[in-house]
Amino acid sequence: MRSLNYRVHAHPDATPIYQLTDRLHDGHTARVSVDGIAGTVASWLAEFGVLSPLAEDLEQTVREGHWAAAHAIADRLSVDVTIAV
């Protein structure tokens, strides 16, 4: 089984696209570049009247490739983040 990092490094010229799934909105999904993660998650949270710096933290950990931390933050935000294929 290949890791998420393998997919990113397999095509170094390609900009990775990430699929975000909002677990609180019955599977609402979005495909975004790394620069769109915080804005997308923040807009989903805003629908509940919530502001959280964790949206920016999630974006930063994904940008840095720290997947264990990214998944831990995503879990607190009730979202899933994967590399879109």
Protein backbone atom coordinates (compact mmCIF):
# COMPACT_ATOMS: atom_id res chain seq x y z
CA MET A 1 0.00 0.00 0.00
CA ARG A 2 1.35 3.40 -0.92
CA SER A 3 1.18 6.40 1.39
CA LEU A 4 -0.40 9.77 0.70
CA ASN A 5 3.09 11.22 0.45
CA TYR A 6 3.83 8.79 -2.40
CA ARG A 7 0.97 10.23 -4.43
CA VAL A 8 2.17 13.79 -3.89
CA HIS A 9 5.76 12.92 -4.82
CA ALA A 10 4.81 10.62 -7.71
CA HIS A 11 3.99 13.66 -9.88
CA PRO A 12 6.15 16.52 -8.60
CA ASP A 13 4.92 18.97 -11.26
CA ALA A 14 1.26 18.44 -10.39
CA THR A 15 -0.39 20.59 -7.76
CA PRO A 16 -2.22 18.25 -5.41
CA ILE A 17 -5.95 18.64 -4.99
CA TYR A 18 -7.46 17.70 -1.66
CA GLN A 19 -10.93 16.39 -1.06
CA LEU A 20 -12.60 17.70 2.07
CA THR A 21 -15.68 15.98 3.45
CA ASP A 22 -17.81 17.74 6.04
CA ARG A 23 -19.10 15.03 8.38
CA LEU A 24 -21.61 17.44 9.96
CA HIS A 25 -23.34 18.24 6.65
CA ASP A 26 -24.11 14.68 5.58
CA GLY A 27 -21.04 14.18 3.43
CA HIS A 28 -20.81 17.67 1.89
CA THR A 29 -17.55 17.62 -0.12
CA ALA A 30 -15.22 20.06 -1.82
CA ARG A 31 -12.06 19.64 -3.90
CA VAL A 32 -9.53 22.39 -3.28
CA SER A 33 -5.85 23.20 -3.50
CA VAL A 34 -3.96 23.45 -0.24
CA ASP A 35 -4.60 27.21 -0.26
CA GLY A 36 -8.36 26.60 -0.19
CA ILE A 37 -8.52 24.28 2.81
CA ALA A 38 -8.84 26.92 5.56
CA GLY A 39 -11.40 29.00 3.67
CA THR A 40 -13.57 26.01 2.85
CA VAL A 41 -13.54 24.62 6.38
CA ALA A 42 -14.10 28.09 7.85
CA SER A 43 -17.15 28.60 5.64
CA TRP A 44 -18.61 25.26 6.76
CA LEU A 45 -18.02 26.21 10.40
CA ALA A 46 -19.59 29.63 9.83
CA GLU A 47 -22.84 27.92 8.92
CA PHE A 48 -22.96 26.87 12.58
CA GLY A 49 -21.85 30.29 13.82
CA VAL A 50 -18.41 28.94 14.73
CA LEU A 51 -15.00 30.55 14.21
CA SER A 52 -11.91 28.43 14.80
CA PRO A 53 -8.19 28.90 14.21
CA LEU A 54 -8.02 25.14 13.69
CA ALA A 55 -9.07 25.63 10.05
CA GLU A 56 -5.79 27.46 9.41
CA ASP A 57 -3.87 24.89 11.46
CA LEU A 58 -5.34 22.14 9.28
CA GLU A 59 -4.24 23.92 6.12
CA GLN A 60 -0.72 24.41 7.48
CA THR A 61 -0.26 20.78 8.57
CA VAL A 62 -1.46 19.53 5.17
CA ARG A 63 0.90 21.99 3.43
CA GLU A 64 3.79 20.63 5.52
CA GLY A 65 2.79 17.01 4.96
CA HIS A 66 2.24 16.26 8.65
CA TRP A 67 -0.59 13.82 8.04
CA ALA A 68 -0.94 12.48 11.58
CA ALA A 69 -1.42 16.02 12.89
CA ALA A 70 -3.67 16.95 9.95
CA HIS A 71 -5.97 14.01 10.60
CA ALA A 72 -6.09 14.79 14.33
CA ILE A 73 -7.08 18.40 13.61
CA ALA A 74 -9.56 17.33 10.93
CA ASP A 75 -11.18 14.96 13.39
CA ARG A 76 -11.74 17.83 15.85
CA LEU A 77 -13.28 19.85 13.02
CA SER A 78 -15.48 16.91 11.94
CA VAL A 79 -14.00 16.85 8.45
CA ASP A 80 -12.05 14.29 6.47
CA VAL A 81 -9.16 15.33 4.25
CA THR A 82 -7.64 13.17 1.54
CA ILE A 83 -5.67 13.65 -1.62
CA ALA A 84 -8.11 13.57 -4.52
CA VAL A 85 -7.20 11.17 -7.28
